[in-house]
Amino acid sequence: MRTLLTAALAMTLAAPALAADPVRDATQRSLPQLMDFYRDFHANPELSLHEVQTAAKLAAEARKAGFQVTEKVGGTGVVAILKNGAGPILLIRADMDGLPVTEDTGLPFASKVRATTDEGQETGVMHACGHDTHMASWIGTLRNLAAMKAQWQGTLVMIAQPAEERGMGARMMLEDGLFSRFPKPQFALAFHDAASLPAGTIGVRSGYALANVDSVDIKVSGVGGHGAYPQTTRDPIVLAARIVTTLQTLVSREIDPQDSAVVTVGSIHGGSTHNIIGKEVTMLLTVRSYTPEVRKKLLDGIARIAKGEAIAAGIPEDRMPLVTIRNEGTPSTFNTEPLTGRLQSLWTSRFGKDRVVETPAVMGGEDFGRFYLADKSIQSMIFWVGGVPRAKWDAAQAGKEALPSLHSPFWAPEAEAVIATATEAMTAAALDILKR
């Protein structure tokens, strides 16, 4: 027995140390500088379609890494290309824009930026959706892959996209020739930080991951008059109330209960004072769905209900409600197979099953899905990286603390965990897709 134990100990002492992980090691070495980028992006956000300085910083970093860079694609978009022999073409996207939100996180590098929106409203500006972590990870990923060219072959197309928050940036880049002026991808990847997962956890969803988002305006017209003599009028406020009530039956009575749909009237404005029945009410709606079929049912149903209620209220034909679908909506985002399952397995092996979880589809919107819809031969995936600090997560699970959501003035992800995890995951995914 003593001989066996001595032999076993000798073998243990002689065993080599665990092999280094080049992807993780490279990411950790660059993390301090990536955090500097993150703090700079966070302190200096720019609104959608105004990401001039942000885009210039990202373009400069891509050039330093050896990429061929084209700026002002689709407005302020950046396309950085690195060709490394024959092989697949992989697109990796980060979004750049901040939100018209006044920050209230208390961070030492909190944004103090103020700007005027395109609608003329002065506002604070904040990266309340985590795009600052996306951009820092984008820099980390392109640096890693530029330094690891011996391990992959193919073409990298790294894009920095404007105006994701307004649902316009992907469409604008596509309309400006993203798939015709530059190599058209066979694979497309993006990630989003998550306010519903603990920091450093990767969330994966196969199939529909994010929703169709449509913004709908309804202008309800009536016949105005004195509030004391309603019989001489056609009250648009009462009509608007009828429309709001009937709209609820779209989801409850016209959509299959196994399908997901949302119709929310987010704003309603009409009238001027107590004793006057006005002539007009404006209603603003957000409409969410996943499939094209459900989307069409909802939008057609909104127009039908608005007109039907107006007819029932005796509104003249020339004053029928005007229903307008705005052009700032986003299509649903669909994660394709086999890419999604392949990367879920890859990341589970790398990070462990406790850090890679399946997540439900959400009713939030993301215009990343436009790249797949532009050519459905593309294998496409967006994944989540949790940003909730562990202590806050545990407190929330115990019912002791409420967590801020994305777009909240209080949202401050644990940026180091998000950036390190996303950079490592994206680099490993690219190496797997483009492996020699």
Protein backbone atom coordinates (compact mmCIF):
# COMPACT_ATOMS: atom_id res chain seq x y z
CA MET A 1 0.00 0.00 0.00
CA ARG A 2 2.82 2.40 0.90
CA THR A 3 4.44 1.67 -2.47
CA LEU A 4 1.19 2.37 -4.35
CA LEU A 5 0.61 5.66 -2.50
CA THR A 6 4.19 6.75 -3.14
CA ALA A 7 3.82 5.97 -6.84
CA ALA A 8 0.51 7.82 -7.05
CA LEU A 9 1.97 10.90 -5.35
CA ALA A 10 4.95 10.85 -7.70
CA MET A 11 2.63 10.71 -10.70
CA THR A 12 0.56 13.61 -9.36
CA LEU A 13 3.60 15.79 -8.80
CA ALA A 14 4.94 14.93 -12.22
CA ALA A 15 1.62 15.66 -14.01
CA PRO A 16 1.74 18.78 -16.19
CA ALA A 17 -0.27 21.85 -15.24
CA LEU A 18 -3.60 22.38 -16.96
CA ALA A 19 -3.12 23.73 -20.47
CA ALA A 20 -3.57 27.45 -20.86
CA ASP A 21 -6.71 28.69 -22.65
CA PRO A 22 -5.59 31.12 -25.39
CA VAL A 23 -9.03 32.71 -25.81
CA ARG A 24 -9.61 33.28 -22.12
CA ASP A 25 -6.05 34.39 -21.50
CA ALA A 26 -6.12 36.89 -24.38
CA THR A 27 -9.46 38.28 -23.19
CA GLN A 28 -8.24 38.69 -19.62
CA ARG A 29 -5.08 40.46 -20.76
CA SER A 30 -7.07 42.99 -22.73
CA LEU A 31 -9.84 43.42 -20.15
CA PRO A 32 -8.37 46.47 -18.34
CA GLN A 33 -8.20 48.40 -21.60
CA LEU A 34 -11.63 47.17 -22.67
CA MET A 35 -13.00 48.55 -19.40
CA ASP A 36 -11.41 51.90 -20.26
CA PHE A 37 -13.27 51.83 -23.58
CA TYR A 38 -16.48 50.90 -21.77
CA ARG A 39 -16.21 53.81 -19.32
CA ASP A 40 -15.48 56.22 -22.17
CA PHE A 41 -18.46 54.99 -24.20
CA HIS A 42 -20.67 55.12 -21.12
CA ALA A 43 -19.69 58.69 -20.23
CA ASN A 44 -20.07 59.93 -23.82
CA PRO A 45 -23.22 58.43 -25.34
CA GLU A 46 -24.73 59.67 -28.59
CA LEU A 47 -28.33 59.42 -29.74
CA SER A 48 -29.50 57.32 -32.69
CA LEU A 49 -28.21 58.57 -36.06
CA HIS A 50 -25.79 60.91 -34.26
CA GLU A 51 -23.11 58.34 -33.30
CA VAL A 52 -20.32 60.30 -34.99
CA GLN A 53 -17.62 60.25 -32.32
CA THR A 54 -18.53 56.74 -31.20
CA ALA A 55 -18.22 55.40 -34.75
CA ALA A 56 -14.87 57.14 -35.22
CA LYS A 57 -13.47 55.47 -32.09
CA LEU A 58 -14.59 52.02 -33.22
CA ALA A 59 -13.26 52.55 -36.75
CA ALA A 60 -9.87 53.61 -35.37
CA GLU A 61 -9.59 50.48 -33.21
CA ALA A 62 -10.49 48.23 -36.14
CA ARG A 63 -7.83 49.86 -38.32
CA LYS A 64 -5.22 49.38 -35.58
CA ALA A 65 -6.07 45.67 -35.55
CA GLY A 66 -5.46 45.41 -39.29
CA PHE A 67 -9.02 45.51 -40.61
CA GLN A 68 -10.04 47.27 -43.81
CA VAL A 69 -12.53 49.87 -42.60
CA THR A 70 -15.36 51.73 -44.33
CA GLU A 71 -17.21 54.44 -42.43
CA LYS A 72 -20.57 56.18 -42.92
CA VAL A 73 -22.38 53.06 -44.11
CA GLY A 74 -26.09 53.65 -43.59
CA GLY A 75 -25.42 56.96 -41.86
CA THR A 76 -22.81 56.47 -39.16
CA GLY A 77 -22.30 52.72 -39.55
CA VAL A 78 -18.85 51.12 -39.65
CA VAL A 79 -17.87 48.02 -41.65
CA ALA A 80 -14.50 46.43 -40.79
CA ILE A 81 -13.28 43.49 -42.88
CA LEU A 82 -10.45 41.06 -42.24
CA LYS A 83 -9.82 38.47 -44.95
CA ASN A 84 -7.80 35.41 -44.01
CA GLY A 85 -7.92 33.02 -46.91
CA ALA A 86 -10.74 30.92 -48.30
CA GLY A 87 -13.50 29.98 -45.91
CA PRO A 88 -16.85 31.04 -44.44
CA ILE A 89 -17.91 34.66 -44.09
CA LEU A 90 -18.95 35.67 -40.57
CA LEU A 91 -20.67 38.92 -39.61
CA ILE A 92 -20.43 40.15 -36.00
CA ARG A 93 -22.53 43.15 -35.01
CA ALA A 94 -22.44 45.68 -32.18
CA ASP A 95 -24.92 48.56 -31.84
CA MET A 96 -23.74 52.06 -30.93
CA ASP A 97 -26.62 54.35 -29.94
CA GLY A 98 -27.61 55.65 -26.54
CA LEU A 99 -31.10 56.51 -25.30
CA PRO A 100 -32.83 59.81 -24.41
CA VAL A 101 -32.65 58.93 -20.70
CA THR A 102 -31.14 61.00 -17.88
CA GLU A 103 -28.79 58.71 -15.95
CA ASP A 104 -29.35 58.05 -12.25
CA THR A 105 -26.90 55.20 -11.54
CA GLY A 106 -24.48 57.17 -9.37
CA LEU A 107 -21.49 55.72 -11.24
CA PRO A 108 -18.35 57.88 -11.10
CA PHE A 109 -18.29 57.89 -14.92
CA ALA A 110 -22.04 58.43 -15.31
CA SER A 111 -23.16 60.30 -18.39
CA LYS A 112 -23.74 64.01 -18.03
CA VAL A 113 -24.43 64.43 -21.74
CA ARG A 114 -27.47 66.41 -22.82
CA ALA A 115 -28.75 66.59 -26.36
CA THR A 116 -31.76 67.53 -28.43
CA THR A 117 -33.76 64.76 -30.05
CA ASP A 118 -34.81 64.88 -33.69
CA GLU A 119 -38.25 65.87 -32.40
CA GLY A 120 -36.73 68.94 -30.71
CA GLN A 121 -36.87 67.74 -27.09
CA GLU A 122 -33.88 68.44 -24.83
CA THR A 123 -32.93 65.38 -22.82
CA GLY A 124 -30.19 63.60 -20.94
CA VAL A 125 -28.50 60.79 -22.88
CA MET A 126 -27.48 57.44 -21.42
CA HIS A 127 -26.38 53.98 -22.48
CA ALA A 128 -29.35 52.56 -20.59
CA CYS A 129 -29.48 49.45 -22.80
CA GLY A 130 -25.86 48.34 -22.46
CA HIS A 131 -24.61 49.16 -25.94
CA ASP A 132 -21.43 50.41 -24.29
CA THR A 133 -20.69 46.82 -23.19
CA HIS A 134 -21.50 45.60 -26.70
CA MET A 135 -18.97 47.96 -28.26
CA ALA A 136 -16.22 47.18 -25.77
CA SER A 137 -16.73 43.46 -26.42
CA TRP A 138 -16.67 44.11 -30.19
CA ILE A 139 -13.23 45.69 -29.81
CA GLY A 140 -12.05 42.79 -27.65
CA THR A 141 -13.33 40.23 -30.15
CA LEU A 142 -11.74 41.82 -33.22
CA ARG A 143 -8.43 42.21 -31.38
CA ASN A 144 -8.48 38.56 -30.32
CA LEU A 145 -9.30 37.29 -33.79
CA ALA A 146 -6.74 39.54 -35.48
CA ALA A 147 -4.07 38.10 -33.18
CA MET A 148 -5.25 34.50 -33.76
CA LYS A 149 -5.26 34.41 -37.57
CA ALA A 150 -3.25 31.18 -37.54
CA GLN A 151 -6.25 29.44 -35.94
CA TRP A 152 -8.95 30.34 -38.46
CA GLN A 153 -9.60 30.99 -42.12
CA GLY A 154 -12.32 32.88 -43.94
CA THR A 155 -13.60 36.45 -43.78
CA LEU A 156 -14.67 38.51 -40.78
CA VAL A 157 -17.16 41.31 -41.32
CA MET A 158 -17.37 43.32 -38.09
CA ILE A 159 -20.09 45.97 -38.19
CA ALA A 160 -20.87 48.80 -35.77
CA GLN A 161 -24.51 49.63 -36.34
CA PRO A 162 -26.34 52.91 -35.68
CA ALA A 163 -29.91 53.53 -34.55
CA GLU A 164 -30.82 50.12 -33.13
CA GLU A 165 -33.01 51.84 -30.54
CA ARG A 166 -35.12 53.34 -33.29
CA GLY A 167 -35.28 50.14 -35.33
CA MET A 168 -33.66 51.84 -38.32
CA GLY A 169 -29.93 51.11 -38.30
CA ALA A 170 -29.86 47.59 -39.76
CA ARG A 171 -32.28 48.58 -42.52
CA MET A 172 -30.23 51.68 -43.35
CA MET A 173 -27.00 49.69 -43.58
CA LEU A 174 -28.66 47.08 -45.80
CA GLU A 175 -30.12 49.79 -48.04
CA ASP A 176 -26.63 51.29 -48.31
CA GLY A 177 -25.28 48.08 -49.77
CA LEU A 178 -24.10 46.07 -46.75
CA PHE A 179 -24.66 42.78 -48.61
CA SER A 180 -23.66 44.05 -52.06
CA ARG A 181 -20.69 46.36 -51.43
CA PHE A 182 -19.15 44.04 -48.84
CA PRO A 183 -18.85 40.24 -48.49
CA LYS A 184 -22.29 38.77 -47.80
CA PRO A 185 -22.18 36.64 -44.65
CA GLN A 186 -23.06 33.00 -44.28
CA PHE A 187 -23.19 33.42 -40.51
CA ALA A 188 -24.27 36.38 -38.35
CA LEU A 189 -23.76 36.83 -34.60
CA ALA A 190 -24.65 39.45 -32.00
CA PHE A 191 -25.21 39.57 -28.26
CA HIS A 192 -27.19 41.73 -25.86
CA ASP A 193 -26.59 42.31 -22.18
CA ALA A 194 -29.48 41.13 -19.99
CA ALA A 195 -31.10 42.70 -16.95
CA SER A 196 -32.80 39.38 -16.17
CA LEU A 197 -29.76 37.10 -15.78
CA PRO A 198 -26.93 37.05 -13.23
CA ALA A 199 -23.68 38.59 -14.41
CA GLY A 200 -21.61 36.34 -16.66
CA THR A 201 -24.45 33.94 -17.49
CA ILE A 202 -25.11 33.25 -21.18
CA GLY A 203 -28.72 32.97 -22.30
CA VAL A 204 -29.60 31.03 -25.45
CA ARG A 205 -32.88 30.71 -27.31
CA SER A 206 -33.51 28.69 -30.46
CA GLY A 207 -36.20 29.94 -32.84
CA TYR A 208 -37.97 33.22 -32.16
CA ALA A 209 -35.97 35.18 -29.60
CA LEU A 210 -37.34 38.74 -29.89
CA ALA A 211 -40.57 40.14 -31.23
CA ASN A 212 -41.98 42.04 -34.18
CA VAL A 213 -42.36 45.60 -32.92
CA ASP A 214 -44.79 47.95 -34.65
CA SER A 215 -45.65 51.49 -33.65
CA VAL A 216 -49.16 52.46 -34.73
CA ASP A 217 -50.79 55.91 -34.63
CA ILE A 218 -54.58 56.28 -34.71
CA LYS A 219 -56.02 59.72 -35.38
CA VAL A 220 -59.66 59.65 -34.27
CA SER A 221 -61.82 62.44 -35.72
CA GLY A 222 -65.25 63.54 -34.53
CA VAL A 223 -67.52 66.56 -34.61
CA GLY A 224 -66.71 69.04 -31.87
CA GLY A 225 -69.06 71.29 -29.91
CA HIS A 226 -70.28 72.42 -26.50
CA GLY A 227 -69.93 69.94 -23.66
CA ALA A 228 -73.48 70.77 -22.49
CA TYR A 229 -75.00 69.79 -25.83
CA PRO A 230 -73.40 66.44 -26.75
CA GLN A 231 -76.28 65.61 -29.10
CA THR A 232 -74.91 68.18 -31.54
CA THR A 233 -71.50 66.47 -31.67
CA ARG A 234 -69.79 63.18 -32.44
CA ASP A 235 -67.53 62.81 -29.41
CA PRO A 236 -64.03 61.52 -30.44
CA ILE A 237 -63.10 60.81 -26.81
CA VAL A 238 -65.97 58.37 -26.36
CA LEU A 239 -65.10 56.83 -29.72
CA ALA A 240 -61.46 56.48 -28.71
CA ALA A 241 -62.54 54.76 -25.49
CA ARG A 242 -64.61 52.30 -27.50
CA ILE A 243 -61.65 51.59 -29.75
CA VAL A 244 -59.34 51.00 -26.76
CA THR A 245 -61.82 48.54 -25.26
CA THR A 246 -62.45 46.63 -28.47
CA LEU A 247 -58.73 46.40 -29.27
CA GLN A 248 -58.37 44.14 -26.23
CA THR A 249 -60.40 41.47 -28.00
CA LEU A 250 -57.73 41.14 -30.70
CA VAL A 251 -55.46 39.20 -28.38
CA SER A 252 -58.15 37.60 -26.20
CA ARG A 253 -60.53 36.48 -28.96
CA GLU A 254 -58.84 36.57 -32.38
CA ILE A 255 -55.32 35.24 -31.76
CA ASP A 256 -54.68 31.58 -30.99
CA PRO A 257 -53.98 31.34 -27.24
CA GLN A 258 -50.79 29.42 -28.06
CA ASP A 259 -49.45 32.36 -30.04
CA SER A 260 -47.98 35.43 -28.38
CA ALA A 261 -49.28 38.95 -29.01
CA VAL A 262 -49.47 42.34 -27.33
CA VAL A 263 -51.54 45.42 -28.23
CA THR A 264 -50.86 48.31 -25.86
CA VAL A 265 -52.28 51.82 -26.11
CA GLY A 266 -49.39 53.75 -24.64
CA SER A 267 -50.68 57.28 -25.16
CA ILE A 268 -54.03 58.96 -25.71
CA HIS A 269 -54.51 62.72 -26.10
CA GLY A 270 -57.62 64.71 -26.89
CA GLY A 271 -59.68 67.72 -25.88
CA SER A 272 -58.67 71.06 -24.43
CA THR A 273 -60.88 71.89 -21.44
CA HIS A 274 -63.84 70.81 -19.29
CA ASN A 275 -66.81 72.07 -21.28
CA ILE A 276 -65.72 71.54 -24.88
CA ILE A 277 -66.05 68.36 -26.89
CA GLY A 278 -63.06 68.42 -29.17
CA LYS A 279 -62.81 67.24 -32.74
CA GLU A 280 -59.79 64.94 -32.52
CA VAL A 281 -58.01 62.35 -30.37
CA THR A 282 -54.57 60.87 -31.04
CA MET A 283 -53.72 57.36 -29.85
CA LEU A 284 -50.23 55.81 -29.93
CA LEU A 285 -49.92 52.01 -29.81
CA THR A 286 -47.14 49.45 -29.55
CA VAL A 287 -47.91 46.08 -31.13
CA ARG A 288 -45.82 42.94 -30.50
CA SER A 289 -45.84 39.50 -32.10
CA TYR A 290 -43.47 36.82 -33.38
CA THR A 291 -44.79 35.35 -36.61
CA PRO A 292 -45.67 37.29 -39.79
CA GLU A 293 -49.15 35.76 -39.70
CA VAL A 294 -49.96 37.04 -36.21
CA ARG A 295 -48.45 40.42 -37.02
CA LYS A 296 -50.74 40.80 -40.05
CA LYS A 297 -53.81 39.77 -38.04
CA LEU A 298 -53.07 42.38 -35.39
CA LEU A 299 -52.38 45.25 -37.78
CA ASP A 300 -55.37 44.44 -40.01
CA GLY A 301 -57.53 44.06 -36.91
CA ILE A 302 -56.53 47.46 -35.53
CA ALA A 303 -57.57 49.18 -38.77
CA ARG A 304 -60.83 47.20 -38.92
CA ILE A 305 -61.79 47.93 -35.32
CA ALA A 306 -61.02 51.65 -35.59
CA LYS A 307 -63.18 51.98 -38.69
CA GLY A 308 -65.95 49.73 -37.35
CA GLU A 309 -66.31 51.64 -34.10
CA ALA A 310 -66.35 54.93 -36.02
CA ILE A 311 -69.18 53.68 -38.21
CA ALA A 312 -71.10 52.52 -35.13
CA ALA A 313 -70.63 55.99 -33.59
CA GLY A 314 -72.07 57.69 -36.67
CA ILE A 315 -68.83 59.37 -37.76
CA PRO A 316 -69.10 60.76 -41.30
CA GLU A 317 -67.29 58.81 -44.01
CA ASP A 318 -64.82 61.63 -44.60
CA ARG A 319 -63.81 61.58 -40.91
CA MET A 320 -62.95 57.89 -40.55
CA PRO A 321 -59.98 57.21 -38.20
CA LEU A 322 -56.58 57.44 -39.83
CA VAL A 323 -54.38 54.45 -38.90
CA THR A 324 -50.66 54.86 -39.61
CA ILE A 325 -48.00 52.18 -39.13
CA ARG A 326 -44.71 53.97 -38.51
CA ASN A 327 -41.55 52.99 -40.33
CA GLU A 328 -39.49 52.55 -37.15
CA GLY A 329 -40.67 49.06 -36.29
CA THR A 330 -38.45 46.01 -36.12
CA PRO A 331 -39.11 42.49 -37.40
CA SER A 332 -38.84 39.54 -35.05
CA THR A 333 -35.42 38.02 -34.45
CA PHE A 334 -35.09 34.32 -35.28
CA ASN A 335 -32.19 32.17 -34.08
CA THR A 336 -31.49 29.46 -36.62
CA GLU A 337 -30.46 25.86 -36.27
CA PRO A 338 -28.04 24.15 -36.35
CA LEU A 339 -25.97 27.23 -35.41
CA THR A 340 -27.79 27.92 -32.13
CA GLY A 341 -27.46 24.38 -30.82
CA ARG A 342 -23.87 24.17 -31.99
CA LEU A 343 -22.83 27.30 -30.07
CA GLN A 344 -24.85 26.36 -27.01
CA SER A 345 -22.87 23.10 -26.83
CA LEU A 346 -19.60 24.94 -27.44
CA TRP A 347 -20.24 27.46 -24.66
CA THR A 348 -21.51 24.82 -22.23
CA SER A 349 -18.24 22.94 -22.66
CA ARG A 350 -16.27 26.14 -22.16
CA PHE A 351 -18.17 27.87 -19.33
CA GLY A 352 -20.02 24.99 -17.67
CA LYS A 353 -23.72 24.16 -17.69
CA ASP A 354 -24.45 26.52 -14.78
CA ARG A 355 -23.41 29.52 -16.88
CA VAL A 356 -25.23 28.63 -20.10
CA VAL A 357 -29.01 28.54 -19.79
CA GLU A 358 -31.99 28.38 -22.12
CA THR A 359 -34.05 31.56 -21.99
CA PRO A 360 -37.61 32.26 -23.11
CA ALA A 361 -38.44 34.48 -26.05
CA VAL A 362 -39.16 38.08 -25.05
CA MET A 363 -41.47 40.76 -26.40
CA GLY A 364 -38.65 43.27 -26.70
CA GLY A 365 -37.47 44.26 -30.16
CA GLU A 366 -34.10 44.10 -31.92
CA ASP A 367 -33.37 44.98 -35.53
CA PHE A 368 -30.55 42.42 -35.76
CA GLY A 369 -33.17 40.10 -37.24
CA ARG A 370 -33.18 42.16 -40.44
CA PHE A 371 -29.86 40.67 -41.54
CA TYR A 372 -31.33 37.14 -41.53
CA LEU A 373 -34.55 38.28 -43.18
CA ALA A 374 -32.55 39.93 -45.98
CA ASP A 375 -31.22 36.47 -46.90
CA LYS A 376 -32.63 33.45 -45.11
CA SER A 377 -29.70 31.29 -46.19
CA ILE A 378 -27.73 33.03 -43.42
CA GLN A 379 -27.26 31.12 -40.16
CA SER A 380 -28.03 33.74 -37.52
CA MET A 381 -28.01 33.98 -33.73
CA ILE A 382 -28.26 36.61 -31.01
CA PHE A 383 -27.53 35.58 -27.42
CA TRP A 384 -27.83 37.20 -24.00
CA VAL A 385 -25.10 37.88 -21.45
CA GLY A 386 -26.37 38.54 -17.94
CA GLY A 387 -25.36 41.77 -16.25
CA VAL A 388 -27.05 41.67 -12.83
CA PRO A 389 -24.46 41.71 -10.01
CA ARG A 390 -24.67 38.48 -8.01
CA ALA A 391 -25.55 40.16 -4.70
CA LYS A 392 -28.43 42.04 -6.33
CA TRP A 393 -29.55 38.92 -8.13
CA ASP A 394 -29.65 36.90 -4.89
CA ALA A 395 -31.52 39.70 -3.12
CA ALA A 396 -34.07 39.86 -5.94
CA GLN A 397 -34.59 36.09 -5.87
CA ALA A 398 -35.24 36.36 -2.14
CA GLY A 399 -37.81 39.08 -2.74
CA LYS A 400 -35.72 41.73 -0.99
CA GLU A 401 -34.88 43.93 -3.97
CA ALA A 402 -36.43 44.94 -7.30
CA LEU A 403 -34.12 44.92 -10.30
CA PRO A 404 -34.04 47.77 -12.83
CA SER A 405 -34.84 46.82 -16.39
CA LEU A 406 -33.08 47.72 -19.58
CA HIS A 407 -33.84 51.35 -20.52
CA SER A 408 -34.05 52.26 -16.83
CA PRO A 409 -32.03 55.30 -15.65
CA PHE A 410 -30.79 52.97 -12.87
CA TRP A 411 -29.51 50.15 -15.12
CA ALA A 412 -25.80 49.58 -14.51
CA PRO A 413 -24.64 46.08 -15.48
CA GLU A 414 -21.63 44.45 -13.93
CA ALA A 415 -19.71 45.53 -16.99
CA GLU A 416 -16.52 43.59 -16.39
CA ALA A 417 -18.40 40.28 -16.24
CA VAL A 418 -20.48 41.15 -19.32
CA ILE A 419 -17.49 42.24 -21.41
CA ALA A 420 -15.22 39.37 -20.38
CA THR A 421 -17.92 36.74 -20.95
CA ALA A 422 -19.18 38.19 -24.24
CA THR A 423 -15.68 38.68 -25.68
CA GLU A 424 -14.61 35.16 -24.79
CA ALA A 425 -17.88 33.63 -26.03
CA MET A 426 -17.85 35.58 -29.31
CA THR A 427 -14.18 34.83 -29.97
CA ALA A 428 -14.67 31.12 -29.29
CA ALA A 429 -17.75 31.07 -31.54
CA ALA A 430 -15.88 32.77 -34.39
CA LEU A 431 -12.95 30.35 -34.08
CA ASP A 432 -15.38 27.43 -34.22
CA ILE A 433 -17.26 28.76 -37.24
CA LEU A 434 -14.08 29.70 -39.10
CA LYS A 435 -11.90 26.83 -37.91
CA ARG A 436 -9.30 25.50 -40.29
